[in-house]
Amino acid sequence: MITATCVKTHGSFTLFNEYEFKLDPINDQVEIVSDDGFAWKLHNEFDGYYGCNDARGKNVSFLVYEQ
Protein backbone atom coordinates (compact mmCIF):
# COMPACT_ATOMS: atom_id res chain seq x y z
CA MET A 1 0.00 0.00 0.00
CA ILE A 2 1.17 3.51 -0.77
CA THR A 3 0.56 6.04 2.02
CA ALA A 4 0.66 9.82 1.88
CA THR A 5 1.14 11.97 4.98
CA CYS A 6 -0.27 15.47 4.76
CA VAL A 7 2.55 17.94 5.39
CA LYS A 8 0.91 21.16 4.15
CA THR A 9 -2.82 21.84 4.15
CA HIS A 10 -5.49 24.52 3.99
CA GLY A 11 -8.51 22.75 5.48
CA SER A 12 -9.48 19.94 3.10
CA PHE A 13 -7.01 17.57 4.74
CA THR A 14 -5.82 17.10 8.33
CA LEU A 15 -2.18 17.99 8.91
CA PHE A 16 0.03 14.93 9.57
CA ASN A 17 -2.82 12.48 8.92
CA GLU A 18 -2.13 9.55 6.62
CA TYR A 19 -4.16 9.06 3.45
CA GLU A 20 -4.35 6.24 0.92
CA PHE A 21 -2.50 7.24 -2.20
CA LYS A 22 -3.88 5.89 -5.49
CA LEU A 23 -1.42 5.72 -8.35
CA ASP A 24 -2.70 4.85 -11.83
CA PRO A 25 0.43 4.29 -13.94
CA ILE A 26 -1.58 3.42 -17.05
CA ASN A 27 -3.20 6.87 -17.19
CA ASP A 28 -0.28 8.56 -15.39
CA GLN A 29 -2.64 9.94 -12.73
CA VAL A 30 -2.28 10.24 -8.98
CA GLU A 31 -5.34 10.65 -6.77
CA ILE A 32 -6.09 11.14 -3.08
CA VAL A 33 -9.44 11.59 -1.32
CA SER A 34 -9.86 14.53 1.08
CA ASP A 35 -11.55 14.55 4.47
CA ASP A 36 -14.77 15.80 2.85
CA GLY A 37 -14.78 12.94 0.31
CA PHE A 38 -13.61 14.78 -2.79
CA ALA A 39 -10.92 13.23 -5.00
CA TRP A 40 -7.90 15.41 -5.77
CA LYS A 41 -5.49 14.91 -8.67
CA LEU A 42 -1.88 15.40 -7.57
CA HIS A 43 1.34 16.19 -9.39
CA ASN A 44 4.87 15.14 -8.52
CA GLU A 45 6.76 17.80 -6.57
CA PHE A 46 9.84 15.50 -6.48
CA ASP A 47 11.84 14.13 -3.53
CA GLY A 48 8.84 12.00 -2.45
CA TYR A 49 6.36 14.87 -2.28
CA TYR A 50 3.14 15.21 -4.26
CA GLY A 51 0.76 18.13 -4.23
CA CYS A 52 -1.95 20.18 -5.86
CA ASN A 53 -3.52 23.61 -5.76
CA ASP A 54 -7.16 24.33 -4.98
CA ALA A 55 -9.36 26.73 -6.93
CA ARG A 56 -7.93 29.65 -4.91
CA GLY A 57 -4.34 28.67 -5.69
CA LYS A 58 -3.55 27.36 -2.20
CA ASN A 59 -1.13 24.42 -2.14
CA VAL A 60 -1.56 21.05 -0.42
CA SER A 61 1.45 18.72 -0.14
CA PHE A 62 1.95 15.08 0.87
CA LEU A 63 4.98 13.00 1.65
CA VAL A 64 4.47 9.65 -0.07
CA TYR A 65 5.98 6.30 0.94
CA GLU A 66 5.28 2.58 0.55
CA GLN A 67 4.47 0.36 3.53
PDB file of N, CA and C in Angstrom:
ATOM      1  N   MET A   1       0.840  -1.180   0.000  1.00  0.00           N
ATOM      2  CA  MET A   1       0.000   0.000   0.000  1.00  0.00           C
ATOM      3  C   MET A   1       0.884   1.242   0.000  1.00  0.00           C
ATOM      4  N   ILE A   2       0.454   2.233  -0.735  1.00  0.00           N
ATOM      5  CA  ILE A   2       1.168   3.511  -0.767  1.00  0.00           C
ATOM      6  C   ILE A   2       0.414   4.490   0.141  1.00  0.00           C
ATOM      7  N   THR A   3       1.144   5.110   1.054  1.00  0.00           N
ATOM      8  CA  THR A   3       0.563   6.037   2.020  1.00  0.00           C
ATOM      9  C   THR A   3       1.108   7.438   1.784  1.00  0.00           C
ATOM     10  N   ALA A   4       0.249   8.423   2.004  1.00  0.00           N
ATOM     11  CA  ALA A   4       0.656   9.819   1.885  1.00  0.00           C
ATOM     12  C   ALA A   4       0.348  10.526   3.200  1.00  0.00           C
ATOM     13  N   THR A   5       1.331  11.185   3.761  1.00  0.00           N
ATOM     14  CA  THR A   5       1.143  11.968   4.984  1.00  0.00           C
ATOM     15  C   THR A   5       1.017  13.432   4.607  1.00  0.00           C
ATOM     16  N   CYS A   6      -0.045  14.065   5.068  1.00  0.00           N
ATOM     17  CA  CYS A   6      -0.271  15.472   4.762  1.00  0.00           C
ATOM     18  C   CYS A   6       0.752  16.328   5.502  1.00  0.00           C
ATOM     19  N   VAL A   7       1.532  17.098   4.774  1.00  0.00           N
ATOM     20  CA  VAL A   7       2.555  17.945   5.395  1.00  0.00           C
ATOM     21  C   VAL A   7       2.274  19.439   5.204  1.00  0.00           C
ATOM     22  N   LYS A   8       1.309  19.762   4.341  1.00  0.00           N
ATOM     23  CA  LYS A   8       0.907  21.156   4.150  1.00  0.00           C
ATOM     24  C   LYS A   8      -0.553  21.145   3.722  1.00  0.00           C
ATOM     25  N   THR A   9      -1.394  21.897   4.420  1.00  0.00           N
ATOM     26  CA  THR A   9      -2.824  21.841   4.152  1.00  0.00           C
ATOM     27  C   THR A   9      -3.456  23.217   4.245  1.00  0.00           C
ATOM     28  N   HIS A  10      -4.714  23.290   3.851  1.00  0.00           N
ATOM     29  CA  HIS A  10      -5.493  24.520   3.991  1.00  0.00           C
ATOM     30  C   HIS A  10      -6.936  24.208   4.368  1.00  0.00           C
ATOM     31  N   GLY A  11      -7.179  23.041   4.968  1.00  0.00           N
ATOM     32  CA  GLY A  11      -8.514  22.750   5.484  1.00  0.00           C
ATOM     33  C   GLY A  11      -9.191  21.529   4.900  1.00  0.00           C
ATOM     34  N   SER A  12      -8.840  21.113   3.700  1.00  0.00           N
ATOM     35  CA  SER A  12      -9.483  19.943   3.104  1.00  0.00           C
ATOM     36  C   SER A  12      -8.889  18.639   3.628  1.00  0.00           C
ATOM     37  N   PHE A  13      -7.715  18.723   4.189  1.00  0.00           N
ATOM     38  CA  PHE A  13      -7.011  17.570   4.743  1.00  0.00           C
ATOM     39  C   PHE A  13      -6.559  17.922   6.159  1.00  0.00           C
ATOM     40  N   THR A  14      -6.306  16.892   6.976  1.00  0.00           N
ATOM     41  CA  THR A  14      -5.819  17.098   8.331  1.00  0.00           C
ATOM     42  C   THR A  14      -4.304  16.971   8.346  1.00  0.00           C
ATOM     43  N   LEU A  15      -3.633  17.963   8.877  1.00  0.00           N
ATOM     44  CA  LEU A  15      -2.180  17.989   8.910  1.00  0.00           C
ATOM     45  C   LEU A  15      -1.637  16.762   9.646  1.00  0.00           C
ATOM     46  N   PHE A  16      -0.664  16.108   9.058  1.00  0.00           N
ATOM     47  CA  PHE A  16       0.034  14.927   9.573  1.00  0.00           C
ATOM     48  C   PHE A  16      -0.816  13.656   9.588  1.00  0.00           C
ATOM     49  N   ASN A  17      -2.038  13.704   9.085  1.00  0.00           N
ATOM     50  CA  ASN A  17      -2.816  12.480   8.920  1.00  0.00           C
ATOM     51  C   ASN A  17      -2.304  11.710   7.711  1.00  0.00           C
ATOM     52  N   GLU A  18      -2.523  10.396   7.748  1.00  0.00           N
ATOM     53  CA  GLU A  18      -2.134   9.552   6.624  1.00  0.00           C
ATOM     54  C   GLU A  18      -3.345   9.291   5.742  1.00  0.00           C
ATOM     55  N   TYR A  19      -3.118   9.280   4.439  1.00  0.00           N
ATOM     56  CA  TYR A  19      -4.164   9.061   3.451  1.00  0.00           C
ATOM     57  C   TYR A  19      -3.702   7.989   2.475  1.00  0.00           C
ATOM     58  N   GLU A  20      -4.680   7.239   1.940  1.00  0.00           N
ATOM     59  CA  GLU A  20      -4.347   6.245   0.920  1.00  0.00           C
ATOM     60  C   GLU A  20      -4.061   6.970  -0.388  1.00  0.00           C
ATOM     61  N   PHE A  21      -2.999   6.589  -1.002  1.00  0.00           N
ATOM     62  CA  PHE A  21      -2.495   7.241  -2.203  1.00  0.00           C
ATOM     63  C   PHE A  21      -2.748   6.304  -3.378  1.00  0.00           C
ATOM     64  N   LYS A  22      -3.525   6.731  -4.350  1.00  0.00           N
ATOM     65  CA  LYS A  22      -3.880   5.889  -5.490  1.00  0.00           C
ATOM     66  C   LYS A  22      -3.104   6.321  -6.725  1.00  0.00           C
ATOM     67  N   LEU A  23      -2.251   5.440  -7.189  1.00  0.00           N
ATOM     68  CA  LEU A  23      -1.419   5.719  -8.354  1.00  0.00           C
ATOM     69  C   LEU A  23      -1.923   4.882  -9.517  1.00  0.00           C
ATOM     70  N   ASP A  24      -2.249   5.532 -10.620  1.00  0.00           N
ATOM     71  CA  ASP A  24      -2.702   4.852 -11.827  1.00  0.00           C
ATOM     72  C   ASP A  24      -1.636   5.043 -12.899  1.00  0.00           C
ATOM     73  N   PRO A  25      -0.667   4.105 -12.992  1.00  0.00           N
ATOM     74  CA  PRO A  25       0.430   4.289 -13.943  1.00  0.00           C
ATOM     75  C   PRO A  25      -0.003   4.205 -15.399  1.00  0.00           C
ATOM     76  N   ILE A  26      -1.105   3.535 -15.665  1.00  0.00           N
ATOM     77  CA  ILE A  26      -1.582   3.418 -17.049  1.00  0.00           C
ATOM     78  C   ILE A  26      -2.000   4.783 -17.581  1.00  0.00           C
ATOM     79  N   ASN A  27      -2.740   5.537 -16.781  1.00  0.00           N
ATOM     80  CA  ASN A  27      -3.198   6.870 -17.187  1.00  0.00           C
ATOM     81  C   ASN A  27      -2.310   7.983 -16.659  1.00  0.00           C
ATOM     82  N   ASP A  28      -1.221   7.602 -15.968  1.00  0.00           N
ATOM     83  CA  ASP A  28      -0.284   8.559 -15.389  1.00  0.00           C
ATOM     84  C   ASP A  28      -1.008   9.585 -14.515  1.00  0.00           C
ATOM     85  N   GLN A  29      -1.898   9.079 -13.632  1.00  0.00           N
ATOM     86  CA  GLN A  29      -2.637   9.939 -12.727  1.00  0.00           C
ATOM     87  C   GLN A  29      -2.404   9.511 -11.284  1.00  0.00           C
ATOM     88  N   VAL A  30      -2.414  10.480 -10.401  1.00  0.00           N
ATOM     89  CA  VAL A  30      -2.284  10.242  -8.978  1.00  0.00           C
ATOM     90  C   VAL A  30      -3.500  10.885  -8.314  1.00  0.00           C
ATOM     91  N   GLU A  31      -4.121  10.148  -7.386  1.00  0.00           N
ATOM     92  CA  GLU A  31      -5.345  10.649  -6.767  1.00  0.00           C
ATOM     93  C   GLU A  31      -5.335  10.379  -5.268  1.00  0.00           C
ATOM     94  N   ILE A  32      -5.928  11.291  -4.522  1.00  0.00           N
ATOM     95  CA  ILE A  32      -6.095  11.142  -3.084  1.00  0.00           C
ATOM     96  C   ILE A  32      -7.462  11.712  -2.720  1.00  0.00           C
ATOM     97  N   VAL A  33      -8.107  11.141  -1.716  1.00  0.00           N
ATOM     98  CA  VAL A  33      -9.441  11.587  -1.322  1.00  0.00           C
ATOM     99  C   VAL A  33      -9.332  12.420  -0.042  1.00  0.00           C
ATOM    100  N   SER A  34      -9.937  13.603  -0.051  1.00  0.00           N
ATOM    101  CA  SER A  34      -9.859  14.527   1.084  1.00  0.00           C
ATOM    102  C   SER A  34     -10.808  14.117   2.197  1.00  0.00           C
ATOM    103  N   ASP A  35     -10.703  14.812   3.322  1.00  0.00           N
ATOM    104  CA  ASP A  35     -11.553  14.545   4.475  1.00  0.00           C
ATOM    105  C   ASP A  35     -13.040  14.695   4.148  1.00  0.00           C
ATOM    106  N   ASP A  36     -13.369  15.582   3.210  1.00  0.00           N
ATOM    107  CA  ASP A  36     -14.769  15.800   2.854  1.00  0.00           C
ATOM    108  C   ASP A  36     -15.237  14.906   1.706  1.00  0.00           C
ATOM    109  N   GLY A  37     -14.377  13.947   1.290  1.00  0.00           N
ATOM    110  CA  GLY A  37     -14.776  12.942   0.308  1.00  0.00           C
ATOM    111  C   GLY A  37     -14.502  13.276  -1.139  1.00  0.00           C
ATOM    112  N   PHE A  38     -13.915  14.414  -1.416  1.00  0.00           N
ATOM    113  CA  PHE A  38     -13.611  14.780  -2.791  1.00  0.00           C
ATOM    114  C   PHE A  38     -12.264  14.192  -3.217  1.00  0.00           C
ATOM    115  N   ALA A  39     -12.177  13.764  -4.461  1.00  0.00           N
ATOM    116  CA  ALA A  39     -10.923  13.230  -5.003  1.00  0.00           C
ATOM    117  C   ALA A  39     -10.106  14.371  -5.596  1.00  0.00           C
ATOM    118  N   TRP A  40      -8.822  14.393  -5.273  1.00  0.00           N
ATOM    119  CA  TRP A  40      -7.898  15.413  -5.766  1.00  0.00           C
ATOM    120  C   TRP A  40      -6.861  14.757  -6.652  1.00  0.00           C
ATOM    121  N   LYS A  41      -6.557  15.362  -7.775  1.00  0.00           N
ATOM    122  CA  LYS A  41      -5.491  14.910  -8.665  1.00  0.00           C
ATOM    123  C   LYS A  41      -4.198  15.617  -8.256  1.00  0.00           C
ATOM    124  N   LEU A  42      -3.150  14.847  -8.054  1.00  0.00           N
ATOM    125  CA  LEU A  42      -1.884  15.396  -7.573  1.00  0.00           C
ATOM    126  C   LEU A  42      -0.816  15.358  -8.645  1.00  0.00           C
ATOM    127  N   HIS A  43       0.181  16.210  -8.496  1.00  0.00           N
ATOM    128  CA  HIS A  43       1.340  16.192  -9.385  1.00  0.00           C
ATOM    129  C   HIS A  43       2.604  15.961  -8.552  1.00  0.00           C
ATOM    130  N   ASN A  44       3.609  15.451  -9.181  1.00  0.00           N
ATOM    131  CA  ASN A  44       4.871  15.138  -8.518  1.00  0.00           C
ATOM    132  C   ASN A  44       5.641  16.420  -8.242  1.00  0.00           C
ATOM    133  N   GLU A  45       5.945  16.651  -6.970  1.00  0.00           N
ATOM    134  CA  GLU A  45       6.761  17.799  -6.572  1.00  0.00           C
ATOM    135  C   GLU A  45       8.208  17.374  -6.330  1.00  0.00           C
ATOM    136  N   PHE A  46       8.505  16.091  -6.596  1.00  0.00           N
ATOM    137  CA  PHE A  46       9.837  15.497  -6.485  1.00  0.00           C
ATOM    138  C   PHE A  46      10.260  15.288  -5.026  1.00  0.00           C
ATOM    139  N   ASP A  47      11.297  14.497  -4.845  1.00  0.00           N
ATOM    140  CA  ASP A  47      11.839  14.127  -3.533  1.00  0.00           C
ATOM    141  C   ASP A  47      10.801  13.457  -2.632  1.00  0.00           C
ATOM    142  N   GLY A  48       9.845  12.723  -3.224  1.00  0.00           N
ATOM    143  CA  GLY A  48       8.844  11.999  -2.452  1.00  0.00           C
ATOM    144  C   GLY A  48       7.601  12.792  -2.105  1.00  0.00           C
ATOM    145  N   TYR A  49       7.519  14.031  -2.570  1.00  0.00           N
ATOM    146  CA  TYR A  49       6.362  14.871  -2.277  1.00  0.00           C
ATOM    147  C   TYR A  49       5.456  14.982  -3.498  1.00  0.00           C
ATOM    148  N   TYR A  50       4.148  14.968  -3.231  1.00  0.00           N
ATOM    149  CA  TYR A  50       3.143  15.214  -4.264  1.00  0.00           C
ATOM    150  C   TYR A  50       2.222  16.289  -3.757  1.00  0.00           C
ATOM    151  N   GLY A  51       1.641  17.062  -4.669  1.00  0.00           N
ATOM    152  CA  GLY A  51       0.762  18.131  -4.231  1.00  0.00           C
ATOM    153  C   GLY A  51      -0.182  18.602  -5.306  1.00  0.00           C
ATOM    154  N   CYS A  52      -1.010  19.566  -4.928  1.00  0.00           N
ATOM    155  CA  CYS A  52      -1.945  20.178  -5.859  1.00  0.00           C
ATOM    156  C   CYS A  52      -2.345  21.538  -5.312  1.00  0.00           C
ATOM    157  N   ASN A  53      -3.003  22.305  -6.151  1.00  0.00           N
ATOM    158  CA  ASN A  53      -3.522  23.608  -5.760  1.00  0.00           C
ATOM    159  C   ASN A  53      -5.040  23.571  -5.844  1.00  0.00           C
ATOM    160  N   ASP A  54      -5.703  24.253  -4.905  1.00  0.00           N
ATOM    161  CA  ASP A  54      -7.155  24.331  -4.978  1.00  0.00           C
ATOM    162  C   ASP A  54      -7.560  25.472  -5.916  1.00  0.00           C
ATOM    163  N   ALA A  55      -8.847  25.712  -6.016  1.00  0.00           N
ATOM    164  CA  ALA A  55      -9.361  26.732  -6.930  1.00  0.00           C
ATOM    165  C   ALA A  55      -8.856  28.134  -6.588  1.00  0.00           C
ATOM    166  N   ARG A  56      -8.449  28.340  -5.334  1.00  0.00           N
ATOM    167  CA  ARG A  56      -7.932  29.648  -4.906  1.00  0.00           C
ATOM    168  C   ARG A  56      -6.419  29.745  -5.021  1.00  0.00           C
ATOM    169  N   GLY A  57      -5.788  28.673  -5.509  1.00  0.00           N
ATOM    170  CA  GLY A  57      -4.343  28.670  -5.687  1.00  0.00           C
ATOM    171  C   GLY A  57      -3.560  28.244  -4.469  1.00  0.00           C
ATOM    172  N   LYS A  58      -4.245  27.798  -3.407  1.00  0.00           N
ATOM    173  CA  LYS A  58      -3.545  27.356  -2.196  1.00  0.00           C
ATOM    174  C   LYS A  58      -3.030  25.944  -2.386  1.00  0.00           C
ATOM    175  N   ASN A  59      -1.803  25.694  -1.931  1.00  0.00           N
ATOM    176  CA  ASN A  59      -1.128  24.420  -2.136  1.00  0.00           C
ATOM    177  C   ASN A  59      -1.378  23.448  -0.993  1.00  0.00           C
ATOM    178  N   VAL A  60      -1.499  22.167  -1.361  1.00  0.00           N
ATOM    179  CA  VAL A  60      -1.560  21.054  -0.423  1.00  0.00           C
ATOM    180  C   VAL A  60      -0.427  20.122  -0.809  1.00  0.00           C
ATOM    181  N   SER A  61       0.342  19.614   0.170  1.00  0.00           N
ATOM    182  CA  SER A  61       1.448  18.724  -0.139  1.00  0.00           C
ATOM    183  C   SER A  61       1.397  17.473   0.743  1.00  0.00           C
ATOM    184  N   PHE A  62       1.899  16.380   0.175  1.00  0.00           N
ATOM    185  CA  PHE A  62       1.945  15.084   0.866  1.00  0.00           C
ATOM    186  C   PHE A  62       3.310  14.463   0.686  1.00  0.00           C
ATOM    187  N   LEU A  63       3.785  13.822   1.736  1.00  0.00           N
ATOM    188  CA  LEU A  63       4.985  13.002   1.652  1.00  0.00           C
ATOM    189  C   LEU A  63       4.509  11.576   1.428  1.00  0.00           C
ATOM    190  N   VAL A  64       4.983  10.942   0.356  1.00  0.00           N
ATOM    191  CA  VAL A  64       4.475   9.652  -0.070  1.00  0.00           C
ATOM    192  C   VAL A  64       5.528   8.571   0.175  1.00  0.00           C
ATOM    193  N   TYR A  65       5.067   7.417   0.698  1.00  0.00           N
ATOM    194  CA  TYR A  65       5.978   6.297   0.945  1.00  0.00           C
ATOM    195  C   TYR A  65       5.202   4.996   0.888  1.00  0.00           C
ATOM    196  N   GLU A  66       5.892   3.898   0.611  1.00  0.00           N
ATOM    197  CA  GLU A  66       5.278   2.578   0.554  1.00  0.00           C
ATOM    198  C   GLU A  66       5.455   1.866   1.878  1.00  0.00           C
ATOM    199  N   GLN A  67       4.402   1.135   2.284  1.00  0.00           N
ATOM    200  CA  GLN A  67       4.471   0.363   3.532  1.00  0.00           C
ATOM    201  C   GLN A  67       4.499  -1.105   3.209  1.00  0.00           C
TER     202      GLN A  67
END
